[in-house]
């Protein structure tokens, strides 16, 4: 909303798209230390942008809380090769970053 209380017309998906474009255009994806993490981030942001357009808030949050729980389980209890761990971590952290826009508490409980 703008300062007059009227909707500015910007959607959350547009903000997430800006984050994705920033990552694509400014982050050094050739850096091997972060390559897989960045791949996970980019994948998550692309999917999140699509789902922000399709789902209502309640369904969107429910879907991504469940995904975060599954990723947490995989990272804790399954044997996963290192590059997949980094990709899952980047994917998970990007989801949490967007969920925190709905409720900052998600930063601490997911």
Protein backbone atom coordinates (compact mmCIF):
# COMPACT_ATOMS: atom_id res chain seq x y z
CA UNK A 1 0.00 0.00 0.00
CA UNK A 2 1.15 3.50 -0.59
CA UNK A 3 1.04 6.20 2.09
CA UNK A 4 -2.52 7.15 1.15
CA UNK A 5 -3.78 3.65 1.98
CA UNK A 6 -4.44 2.72 -1.64
CA UNK A 7 -3.03 -0.45 -3.14
CA UNK A 8 0.09 0.24 -5.17
CA UNK A 9 -0.66 -2.74 -7.38
CA UNK A 10 2.62 -4.53 -6.75
CA UNK A 11 2.39 -8.26 -6.12
CA UNK A 12 4.63 -10.39 -3.94
CA UNK A 13 5.53 -12.42 -7.01
CA UNK A 14 7.03 -9.27 -8.56
CA UNK A 15 9.19 -8.73 -5.50
CA UNK A 16 10.40 -12.34 -5.55
CA UNK A 17 11.11 -11.96 -9.27
CA UNK A 18 13.32 -8.96 -8.46
CA UNK A 19 15.22 -11.12 -5.97
CA UNK A 20 15.68 -13.82 -8.60
CA UNK A 21 16.91 -11.29 -11.17
CA UNK A 22 19.31 -9.84 -8.64
CA UNK A 23 20.75 -13.30 -7.99
CA UNK A 24 21.04 -14.08 -11.67
CA UNK A 25 22.65 -10.77 -12.58
CA UNK A 26 24.94 -10.10 -9.63
CA UNK A 27 25.93 -13.35 -7.95
CA UNK A 28 29.01 -15.11 -9.30
CA UNK A 29 27.58 -18.51 -10.22
CA UNK A 30 30.96 -19.71 -11.40
CA UNK A 31 32.21 -19.68 -7.81
CA UNK A 32 32.37 -23.41 -7.09
CA UNK A 33 31.90 -22.92 -3.33
CA UNK A 34 28.35 -21.64 -3.77
CA UNK A 35 27.37 -23.00 -7.17
CA UNK A 36 24.99 -25.71 -5.93
CA UNK A 37 23.48 -23.51 -3.22
CA UNK A 38 22.77 -20.84 -5.83
CA UNK A 39 21.18 -23.42 -8.15
CA UNK A 40 18.81 -24.35 -5.32
CA UNK A 41 17.97 -20.71 -4.68
CA UNK A 42 17.21 -19.97 -8.30
CA UNK A 43 15.05 -23.08 -8.65
CA UNK A 44 13.05 -22.18 -5.56
CA UNK A 45 12.46 -18.58 -6.57
CA UNK A 46 11.23 -19.64 -10.02
CA UNK A 47 8.73 -22.08 -8.53
CA UNK A 48 7.69 -19.65 -5.80
CA UNK A 49 6.93 -16.94 -8.36
CA UNK A 50 4.60 -19.28 -10.25
CA UNK A 51 2.85 -20.48 -7.10
CA UNK A 52 2.39 -16.98 -5.70
CA UNK A 53 0.22 -16.33 -8.75
CA UNK A 54 -1.74 -19.60 -8.47
CA UNK A 55 -2.41 -20.14 -4.76
CA UNK A 56 -4.21 -18.20 -2.10
CA UNK A 57 -2.16 -17.25 0.95
CA UNK A 58 -3.33 -20.10 3.19
CA UNK A 59 -2.71 -22.82 0.59
CA UNK A 60 0.61 -21.33 -0.46
CA UNK A 61 1.89 -21.25 3.11
CA UNK A 62 0.65 -24.78 3.85
CA UNK A 63 2.31 -26.16 0.72
CA UNK A 64 5.68 -24.59 1.45
CA UNK A 65 5.72 -25.38 5.16
CA UNK A 66 5.26 -29.03 4.18
CA UNK A 67 8.07 -28.78 1.60
CA UNK A 68 10.38 -27.27 4.23
CA UNK A 69 9.54 -30.08 6.64
CA UNK A 70 10.32 -32.69 3.98
CA UNK A 71 13.61 -31.03 3.12
CA UNK A 72 14.51 -30.86 6.81
CA UNK A 73 13.82 -34.59 7.12
CA UNK A 74 15.96 -35.36 4.07
CA UNK A 75 18.85 -33.26 5.34
CA UNK A 76 18.67 -34.78 8.84
CA UNK A 77 17.98 -38.44 8.17
CA UNK A 78 18.86 -39.37 4.60
CA UNK A 79 22.25 -39.87 3.04
CA UNK A 80 22.58 -37.23 0.36
CA UNK A 81 25.63 -36.30 -1.69
CA UNK A 82 27.20 -32.92 -0.90
CA UNK A 83 26.08 -31.00 -3.95
CA UNK A 84 22.47 -32.07 -3.37
CA UNK A 85 22.72 -30.96 0.27
CA UNK A 86 23.80 -27.52 -0.93
CA UNK A 87 21.02 -27.38 -3.52
CA UNK A 88 18.39 -28.43 -0.97
CA UNK A 89 19.74 -25.87 1.51
CA UNK A 90 19.53 -23.07 -1.04
CA UNK A 91 16.05 -24.18 -2.06
CA UNK A 92 14.86 -24.42 1.56
CA UNK A 93 16.35 -21.11 2.65
CA UNK A 94 14.74 -19.30 -0.28
CA UNK A 95 11.35 -20.72 0.65
CA UNK A 96 11.79 -19.61 4.24
CA UNK A 97 12.84 -16.15 3.07
CA UNK A 98 9.56 -15.78 1.17
CA UNK A 99 7.43 -17.34 3.93
CA UNK A 100 8.93 -14.85 6.37
CA UNK A 101 7.35 -12.07 4.32
CA UNK A 102 3.98 -13.48 5.40
CA UNK A 103 5.05 -14.11 8.98
CA UNK A 104 8.58 -13.34 10.31
CA UNK A 105 8.19 -16.17 12.82
CA UNK A 106 8.83 -18.65 10.00
CA UNK A 107 12.50 -17.63 10.15
CA UNK A 108 12.69 -19.27 13.56
CA UNK A 109 10.33 -22.24 13.37
CA UNK A 110 11.28 -23.73 9.98
